[in-house]
Amino acid sequence: MEIKRASSKEDFIKCWETMQQIRPFLSLDQYLVMNLYMQDEGYKLIYIEQHEKVMAFCGYRFRTMIHYGRSIYIDDVCTLPQARDHATALLNYVCQQGKLADVQSIHVDSGHQRSEAHRLYMNHGFKIESHHFVLHLKASEENFS
């Protein structure tokens, strides 16, 4: 199973169908614009493709914070229903990148309702250490106009 890194608009478009599994509110244009901004911020998108179809992807970035030091933040992990086992391969890849870069920790936020994802993360050694709070300053649709 080969893990590829999205590096072109075409690669990001290939990931679009799978991205819609967890971000159905985005249009293709919004998704592509967001990826341009995110790439400028160090975002990396990796994916697994089978028979010219993206079965799973993971987006992550390196960051430094006073309380965590150098870390990786995972933005998204998503698979098509028939490819759930690919999530483990993607997480292993990100963990390997973290070890190579000598980061102190890897972080991921997950919605309360995503119990399957929580099980995956915990089986991979992740711990629930905090609550994530957010203050929305604008509605989501306004952020993309």
N, C-alpha and C. Protein backbone atom coordinates (compact mmCIF):
# COMPACT_ATOMS: atom_id res chain seq x y z
N MET A 1 0.86 -1.18 0.00
CA MET A 1 0.00 0.00 0.00
C MET A 1 0.90 1.24 0.00
N GLU A 2 0.81 2.02 -1.06
CA GLU A 2 1.65 3.20 -1.20
C GLU A 2 0.94 4.43 -0.67
N ILE A 3 1.65 5.18 0.16
CA ILE A 3 1.14 6.45 0.66
C ILE A 3 1.76 7.55 -0.18
N LYS A 4 0.90 8.37 -0.78
CA LYS A 4 1.34 9.45 -1.65
C LYS A 4 1.09 10.79 -0.96
N ARG A 5 1.85 11.79 -1.37
CA ARG A 5 1.65 13.14 -0.85
C ARG A 5 1.08 14.01 -1.96
N ALA A 6 -0.03 14.67 -1.67
CA ALA A 6 -0.65 15.58 -2.64
C ALA A 6 0.28 16.78 -2.84
N SER A 7 0.61 17.05 -4.10
CA SER A 7 1.50 18.16 -4.37
C SER A 7 1.01 19.04 -5.53
N SER A 8 -0.10 18.67 -6.13
CA SER A 8 -0.64 19.44 -7.25
C SER A 8 -2.15 19.60 -7.09
N LYS A 9 -2.69 20.52 -7.85
CA LYS A 9 -4.14 20.71 -7.85
C LYS A 9 -4.84 19.41 -8.22
N GLU A 10 -4.29 18.67 -9.16
CA GLU A 10 -4.88 17.40 -9.59
C GLU A 10 -4.93 16.40 -8.43
N ASP A 11 -3.87 16.37 -7.62
CA ASP A 11 -3.85 15.47 -6.46
C ASP A 11 -4.95 15.84 -5.47
N PHE A 12 -5.12 17.13 -5.22
CA PHE A 12 -6.15 17.57 -4.28
C PHE A 12 -7.54 17.26 -4.83
N ILE A 13 -7.72 17.42 -6.12
CA ILE A 13 -9.01 17.08 -6.73
C ILE A 13 -9.29 15.58 -6.59
N LYS A 14 -8.25 14.75 -6.75
CA LYS A 14 -8.43 13.30 -6.57
C LYS A 14 -8.96 12.99 -5.17
N CYS A 15 -8.56 13.77 -4.16
CA CYS A 15 -8.96 13.53 -2.77
C CYS A 15 -10.36 14.09 -2.45
N TRP A 16 -10.92 14.87 -3.36
CA TRP A 16 -12.17 15.59 -3.13
C TRP A 16 -13.34 14.67 -2.74
N GLU A 17 -13.54 13.59 -3.47
CA GLU A 17 -14.68 12.70 -3.18
C GLU A 17 -14.59 12.16 -1.75
N THR A 18 -13.42 11.76 -1.35
CA THR A 18 -13.24 11.23 0.01
C THR A 18 -13.38 12.35 1.04
N MET A 19 -12.86 13.53 0.74
CA MET A 19 -12.98 14.67 1.65
C MET A 19 -14.44 14.98 1.95
N GLN A 20 -15.31 14.81 0.97
CA GLN A 20 -16.73 15.11 1.18
C GLN A 20 -17.36 14.21 2.24
N GLN A 21 -16.74 13.08 2.56
CA GLN A 21 -17.25 12.20 3.61
C GLN A 21 -17.32 12.93 4.95
N ILE A 22 -16.33 13.80 5.22
CA ILE A 22 -16.32 14.49 6.51
C ILE A 22 -16.50 16.00 6.40
N ARG A 23 -16.43 16.55 5.20
CA ARG A 23 -16.63 17.98 4.99
C ARG A 23 -17.65 18.23 3.89
N PRO A 24 -18.88 17.74 4.06
CA PRO A 24 -19.88 17.85 2.99
C PRO A 24 -20.33 19.28 2.70
N PHE A 25 -20.06 20.20 3.60
CA PHE A 25 -20.48 21.59 3.44
C PHE A 25 -19.59 22.37 2.47
N LEU A 26 -18.44 21.83 2.11
CA LEU A 26 -17.52 22.53 1.22
C LEU A 26 -17.85 22.27 -0.24
N SER A 27 -17.70 23.30 -1.05
CA SER A 27 -17.74 23.10 -2.50
C SER A 27 -16.31 22.78 -2.95
N LEU A 28 -16.17 22.28 -4.14
CA LEU A 28 -14.84 21.97 -4.66
C LEU A 28 -13.98 23.24 -4.70
N ASP A 29 -14.54 24.35 -5.14
CA ASP A 29 -13.77 25.59 -5.20
C ASP A 29 -13.30 26.04 -3.82
N GLN A 30 -14.20 25.96 -2.83
CA GLN A 30 -13.82 26.33 -1.46
C GLN A 30 -12.69 25.43 -0.95
N TYR A 31 -12.82 24.15 -1.20
CA TYR A 31 -11.82 23.17 -0.79
C TYR A 31 -10.45 23.49 -1.41
N LEU A 32 -10.43 23.80 -2.69
CA LEU A 32 -9.16 24.10 -3.36
C LEU A 32 -8.54 25.39 -2.84
N VAL A 33 -9.35 26.41 -2.61
CA VAL A 33 -8.84 27.67 -2.05
C VAL A 33 -8.29 27.44 -0.65
N MET A 34 -9.03 26.71 0.17
CA MET A 34 -8.55 26.42 1.53
C MET A 34 -7.22 25.68 1.50
N ASN A 35 -7.06 24.75 0.57
CA ASN A 35 -5.81 24.02 0.46
C ASN A 35 -4.64 24.93 0.10
N LEU A 36 -4.87 25.94 -0.71
CA LEU A 36 -3.80 26.89 -1.03
C LEU A 36 -3.34 27.62 0.22
N TYR A 37 -4.28 28.12 1.00
CA TYR A 37 -3.94 28.80 2.26
C TYR A 37 -3.23 27.84 3.22
N MET A 38 -3.78 26.65 3.33
CA MET A 38 -3.23 25.68 4.29
C MET A 38 -1.82 25.23 3.89
N GLN A 39 -1.57 25.06 2.61
CA GLN A 39 -0.23 24.69 2.17
C GLN A 39 0.77 25.78 2.54
N ASP A 40 0.36 27.05 2.43
CA ASP A 40 1.23 28.16 2.85
C ASP A 40 1.55 28.09 4.33
N GLU A 41 0.66 27.46 5.10
CA GLU A 41 0.85 27.30 6.55
C GLU A 41 1.51 25.97 6.90
N GLY A 42 2.00 25.24 5.90
CA GLY A 42 2.73 24.00 6.15
C GLY A 42 1.89 22.73 6.11
N TYR A 43 0.65 22.84 5.68
CA TYR A 43 -0.24 21.68 5.60
C TYR A 43 0.26 20.66 4.59
N LYS A 44 0.18 19.40 4.97
CA LYS A 44 0.55 18.30 4.10
C LYS A 44 -0.64 17.34 4.01
N LEU A 45 -0.95 16.89 2.82
CA LEU A 45 -2.05 15.95 2.61
C LEU A 45 -1.46 14.68 2.02
N ILE A 46 -1.66 13.57 2.72
CA ILE A 46 -1.21 12.27 2.23
C ILE A 46 -2.43 11.42 1.94
N TYR A 47 -2.29 10.49 1.02
CA TYR A 47 -3.45 9.69 0.65
C TYR A 47 -3.03 8.32 0.13
N ILE A 48 -4.01 7.41 0.13
CA ILE A 48 -3.83 6.07 -0.41
C ILE A 48 -4.84 5.92 -1.53
N GLU A 49 -4.33 5.51 -2.66
CA GLU A 49 -5.15 5.38 -3.86
C GLU A 49 -5.16 3.92 -4.31
N GLN A 50 -6.33 3.45 -4.70
CA GLN A 50 -6.45 2.10 -5.27
C GLN A 50 -7.34 2.19 -6.50
N HIS A 51 -6.87 1.62 -7.58
CA HIS A 51 -7.63 1.63 -8.83
C HIS A 51 -8.04 3.05 -9.21
N GLU A 52 -7.09 3.98 -9.08
CA GLU A 52 -7.28 5.39 -9.45
C GLU A 52 -8.36 6.09 -8.63
N LYS A 53 -8.63 5.59 -7.42
CA LYS A 53 -9.60 6.22 -6.53
C LYS A 53 -8.95 6.40 -5.16
N VAL A 54 -9.06 7.59 -4.59
CA VAL A 54 -8.51 7.84 -3.25
C VAL A 54 -9.41 7.17 -2.23
N MET A 55 -8.83 6.23 -1.50
CA MET A 55 -9.58 5.46 -0.51
C MET A 55 -9.49 6.07 0.89
N ALA A 56 -8.39 6.82 1.14
CA ALA A 56 -8.18 7.39 2.47
C ALA A 56 -7.20 8.55 2.36
N PHE A 57 -7.33 9.51 3.26
CA PHE A 57 -6.37 10.62 3.29
C PHE A 57 -6.17 11.08 4.72
N CYS A 58 -5.10 11.82 4.92
CA CYS A 58 -4.80 12.43 6.22
C CYS A 58 -4.11 13.75 5.94
N GLY A 59 -4.59 14.79 6.58
CA GLY A 59 -3.96 16.10 6.47
C GLY A 59 -3.33 16.46 7.80
N TYR A 60 -2.11 16.97 7.77
CA TYR A 60 -1.42 17.31 9.02
C TYR A 60 -0.45 18.45 8.79
N ARG A 61 0.04 19.00 9.89
CA ARG A 61 1.02 20.09 9.84
C ARG A 61 1.88 20.07 11.10
N PHE A 62 3.07 20.57 10.97
CA PHE A 62 3.95 20.75 12.12
C PHE A 62 3.64 22.09 12.74
N ARG A 63 3.76 22.17 14.07
CA ARG A 63 3.55 23.44 14.76
C ARG A 63 4.37 23.44 16.04
N THR A 64 4.55 24.62 16.59
CA THR A 64 5.27 24.76 17.85
C THR A 64 4.40 25.59 18.78
N MET A 65 4.19 25.07 19.99
CA MET A 65 3.41 25.77 21.01
C MET A 65 4.17 25.66 22.33
N ILE A 66 4.08 26.69 23.13
CA ILE A 66 4.83 26.70 24.39
C ILE A 66 4.50 25.49 25.24
N HIS A 67 3.24 25.14 25.39
CA HIS A 67 2.89 24.05 26.30
C HIS A 67 3.09 22.66 25.71
N TYR A 68 3.25 22.52 24.40
CA TYR A 68 3.49 21.20 23.80
C TYR A 68 4.86 21.09 23.14
N GLY A 69 5.53 22.20 22.92
CA GLY A 69 6.77 22.17 22.17
C GLY A 69 6.49 21.92 20.71
N ARG A 70 7.43 21.30 20.04
CA ARG A 70 7.27 20.97 18.62
C ARG A 70 6.34 19.77 18.51
N SER A 71 5.30 19.89 17.69
CA SER A 71 4.32 18.81 17.58
C SER A 71 3.76 18.74 16.16
N ILE A 72 2.97 17.71 15.93
CA ILE A 72 2.21 17.58 14.69
C ILE A 72 0.73 17.69 15.07
N TYR A 73 0.00 18.44 14.28
CA TYR A 73 -1.45 18.51 14.44
C TYR A 73 -2.08 17.85 13.22
N ILE A 74 -2.93 16.87 13.47
CA ILE A 74 -3.66 16.20 12.40
C ILE A 74 -4.98 16.92 12.21
N ASP A 75 -5.17 17.48 11.02
CA ASP A 75 -6.41 18.19 10.70
C ASP A 75 -7.55 17.21 10.43
N ASP A 76 -7.27 16.19 9.62
CA ASP A 76 -8.30 15.25 9.20
C ASP A 76 -7.69 13.88 8.94
N VAL A 77 -8.46 12.87 9.26
CA VAL A 77 -8.18 11.50 8.81
C VAL A 77 -9.53 10.99 8.32
N CYS A 78 -9.57 10.50 7.09
CA CYS A 78 -10.83 10.02 6.56
C CYS A 78 -10.59 8.88 5.60
N THR A 79 -11.48 7.90 5.64
CA THR A 79 -11.44 6.78 4.71
C THR A 79 -12.82 6.57 4.13
N LEU A 80 -12.86 5.98 2.97
CA LEU A 80 -14.15 5.50 2.46
C LEU A 80 -14.53 4.30 3.32
N PRO A 81 -15.82 4.01 3.46
CA PRO A 81 -16.26 2.92 4.36
C PRO A 81 -15.57 1.58 4.12
N GLN A 82 -15.28 1.25 2.86
CA GLN A 82 -14.66 -0.04 2.55
C GLN A 82 -13.15 -0.05 2.80
N ALA A 83 -12.59 1.06 3.27
CA ALA A 83 -11.13 1.14 3.43
C ALA A 83 -10.73 1.60 4.82
N ARG A 84 -11.50 1.27 5.83
CA ARG A 84 -11.22 1.72 7.19
C ARG A 84 -9.82 1.35 7.68
N ASP A 85 -9.31 0.20 7.23
CA ASP A 85 -7.99 -0.25 7.67
C ASP A 85 -6.87 0.68 7.19
N HIS A 86 -7.12 1.49 6.19
CA HIS A 86 -6.08 2.40 5.68
C HIS A 86 -5.76 3.51 6.68
N ALA A 87 -6.67 3.82 7.57
CA ALA A 87 -6.42 4.88 8.55
C ALA A 87 -5.21 4.55 9.41
N THR A 88 -5.04 3.30 9.76
CA THR A 88 -3.88 2.90 10.58
C THR A 88 -2.59 3.15 9.82
N ALA A 89 -2.55 2.84 8.54
CA ALA A 89 -1.35 3.08 7.74
C ALA A 89 -1.02 4.58 7.68
N LEU A 90 -2.05 5.41 7.54
CA LEU A 90 -1.83 6.85 7.50
C LEU A 90 -1.32 7.37 8.84
N LEU A 91 -1.91 6.91 9.93
CA LEU A 91 -1.44 7.34 11.26
C LEU A 91 0.00 6.87 11.50
N ASN A 92 0.32 5.66 11.09
CA ASN A 92 1.70 5.17 11.23
C ASN A 92 2.67 6.06 10.47
N TYR A 93 2.27 6.49 9.28
CA TYR A 93 3.11 7.37 8.48
C TYR A 93 3.35 8.70 9.20
N VAL A 94 2.29 9.29 9.73
CA VAL A 94 2.42 10.57 10.43
C VAL A 94 3.30 10.40 11.68
N CYS A 95 3.11 9.32 12.40
CA CYS A 95 3.95 9.06 13.58
C CYS A 95 5.42 8.92 13.18
N GLN A 96 5.67 8.26 12.07
CA GLN A 96 7.04 8.11 11.57
C GLN A 96 7.63 9.49 11.23
N GLN A 97 6.84 10.34 10.58
CA GLN A 97 7.30 11.70 10.27
C GLN A 97 7.61 12.47 11.55
N GLY A 98 6.78 12.28 12.58
CA GLY A 98 7.03 12.93 13.86
C GLY A 98 8.33 12.47 14.50
N LYS A 99 8.59 11.18 14.44
CA LYS A 99 9.84 10.65 15.00
C LYS A 99 11.05 11.17 14.23
N LEU A 100 10.95 11.22 12.91
CA LEU A 100 12.05 11.73 12.09
C LEU A 100 12.33 13.21 12.39
N ALA A 101 11.28 13.96 12.68
CA ALA A 101 11.42 15.39 12.96
C ALA A 101 11.63 15.67 14.45
N ASP A 102 11.67 14.62 15.25
CA ASP A 102 11.91 14.74 16.69
C ASP A 102 10.87 15.63 17.39
N VAL A 103 9.60 15.44 17.02
CA VAL A 103 8.54 16.19 17.71
C VAL A 103 8.21 15.53 19.04
N GLN A 104 7.64 16.30 19.94
CA GLN A 104 7.29 15.79 21.27
C GLN A 104 5.94 15.09 21.31
N SER A 105 5.02 15.47 20.41
CA SER A 105 3.68 14.90 20.48
C SER A 105 2.94 15.09 19.16
N ILE A 106 1.86 14.31 19.03
CA ILE A 106 0.96 14.41 17.88
C ILE A 106 -0.44 14.63 18.43
N HIS A 107 -1.17 15.57 17.84
CA HIS A 107 -2.49 15.96 18.34
C HIS A 107 -3.54 15.81 17.26
N VAL A 108 -4.76 15.50 17.69
CA VAL A 108 -5.89 15.46 16.78
C VAL A 108 -7.15 15.80 17.57
N ASP A 109 -8.02 16.59 16.99
CA ASP A 109 -9.34 16.85 17.57
C ASP A 109 -10.33 15.98 16.83
N SER A 110 -11.37 15.55 17.52
CA SER A 110 -12.37 14.69 16.90
C SER A 110 -13.74 15.01 17.49
N GLY A 111 -14.74 15.11 16.63
CA GLY A 111 -16.09 15.39 17.10
C GLY A 111 -16.60 14.33 18.06
N HIS A 112 -17.43 14.74 19.01
CA HIS A 112 -17.97 13.82 20.02
C HIS A 112 -18.63 12.59 19.41
N GLN A 113 -19.27 12.76 18.27
CA GLN A 113 -20.05 11.69 17.66
C GLN A 113 -19.20 10.65 16.93
N ARG A 114 -17.92 10.89 16.75
CA ARG A 114 -17.07 10.02 15.92
C ARG A 114 -16.42 8.91 16.74
N SER A 115 -17.24 8.05 17.31
CA SER A 115 -16.74 7.01 18.21
C SER A 115 -15.79 6.03 17.53
N GLU A 116 -16.02 5.73 16.25
CA GLU A 116 -15.10 4.84 15.53
C GLU A 116 -13.71 5.46 15.44
N ALA A 117 -13.67 6.75 15.16
CA ALA A 117 -12.39 7.45 15.09
C ALA A 117 -11.71 7.47 16.45
N HIS A 118 -12.49 7.69 17.50
CA HIS A 118 -11.92 7.71 18.86
C HIS A 118 -11.27 6.37 19.18
N ARG A 119 -11.94 5.31 18.82
CA ARG A 119 -11.40 3.97 19.05
C ARG A 119 -10.08 3.79 18.31
N LEU A 120 -10.05 4.24 17.06
CA LEU A 120 -8.82 4.16 16.27
C LEU A 120 -7.69 4.91 16.96
N TYR A 121 -7.94 6.15 17.38
CA TYR A 121 -6.90 6.95 18.01
C TYR A 121 -6.42 6.31 19.31
N MET A 122 -7.35 5.87 20.12
CA MET A 122 -6.95 5.25 21.39
C MET A 122 -6.19 3.95 21.17
N ASN A 123 -6.60 3.16 20.19
CA ASN A 123 -5.86 1.94 19.87
C ASN A 123 -4.46 2.26 19.36
N HIS A 124 -4.28 3.45 18.85
CA HIS A 124 -2.98 3.88 18.35
C HIS A 124 -2.13 4.53 19.45
N GLY A 125 -2.69 4.63 20.66
CA GLY A 125 -1.94 5.18 21.78
C GLY A 125 -2.26 6.62 22.15
N PHE A 126 -3.18 7.25 21.43
CA PHE A 126 -3.58 8.62 21.77
C PHE A 126 -4.39 8.60 23.07
N LYS A 127 -4.28 9.68 23.83
CA LYS A 127 -5.02 9.85 25.08
C LYS A 127 -5.90 11.10 24.97
N ILE A 128 -7.03 11.06 25.66
CA ILE A 128 -7.87 12.26 25.74
C ILE A 128 -7.32 13.10 26.88
N GLU A 129 -6.78 14.27 26.55
CA GLU A 129 -6.12 15.09 27.56
C GLU A 129 -6.77 16.44 27.79
N SER A 130 -7.71 16.85 26.93
CA SER A 130 -8.29 18.17 27.13
C SER A 130 -9.61 18.29 26.38
N HIS A 131 -10.31 19.36 26.66
CA HIS A 131 -11.48 19.75 25.89
C HIS A 131 -11.01 20.84 24.93
N HIS A 132 -11.63 20.90 23.78
CA HIS A 132 -11.29 21.93 22.80
C HIS A 132 -12.43 22.95 22.78
N PHE A 133 -12.11 24.20 23.05
CA PHE A 133 -13.12 25.26 23.06
C PHE A 133 -12.90 26.15 21.84
N VAL A 134 -13.99 26.68 21.31
CA VAL A 134 -13.89 27.54 20.14
C VAL A 134 -14.89 28.68 20.27
N LEU A 135 -14.52 29.85 19.81
CA LEU A 135 -15.40 31.00 19.71
C LEU A 135 -15.50 31.35 18.23
N HIS A 136 -16.65 31.12 17.62
CA HIS A 136 -16.84 31.42 16.20
C HIS A 136 -17.10 32.91 16.04
N LEU A 137 -16.27 33.57 15.26
CA LEU A 137 -16.43 35.00 15.01
C LEU A 137 -17.28 35.28 13.79
N LYS A 138 -17.33 34.31 12.87
CA LYS A 138 -18.15 34.43 11.67
C LYS A 138 -18.75 33.07 11.36
N ALA A 139 -19.89 33.07 10.70
CA ALA A 139 -20.50 31.82 10.27
C ALA A 139 -19.63 31.18 9.19
N SER A 140 -19.64 29.86 9.08
CA SER A 140 -18.78 29.13 8.15
C SER A 140 -18.92 29.63 6.72
N GLU A 141 -20.13 29.88 6.24
CA GLU A 141 -20.32 30.31 4.86
C GLU A 141 -19.60 31.64 4.60
N GLU A 142 -19.57 32.53 5.60
CA GLU A 142 -18.91 33.81 5.42
C GLU A 142 -17.40 33.64 5.26
N ASN A 143 -16.84 32.61 5.89
CA ASN A 143 -15.41 32.39 5.82
C ASN A 143 -14.95 32.03 4.41
N PHE A 144 -15.84 31.52 3.58
CA PHE A 144 -15.47 31.06 2.25
C PHE A 144 -15.88 32.01 1.15
N SER A 145 -16.47 33.17 1.49
CA SER A 145 -16.90 34.07 0.42
C SER A 145 -15.83 35.08 0.07
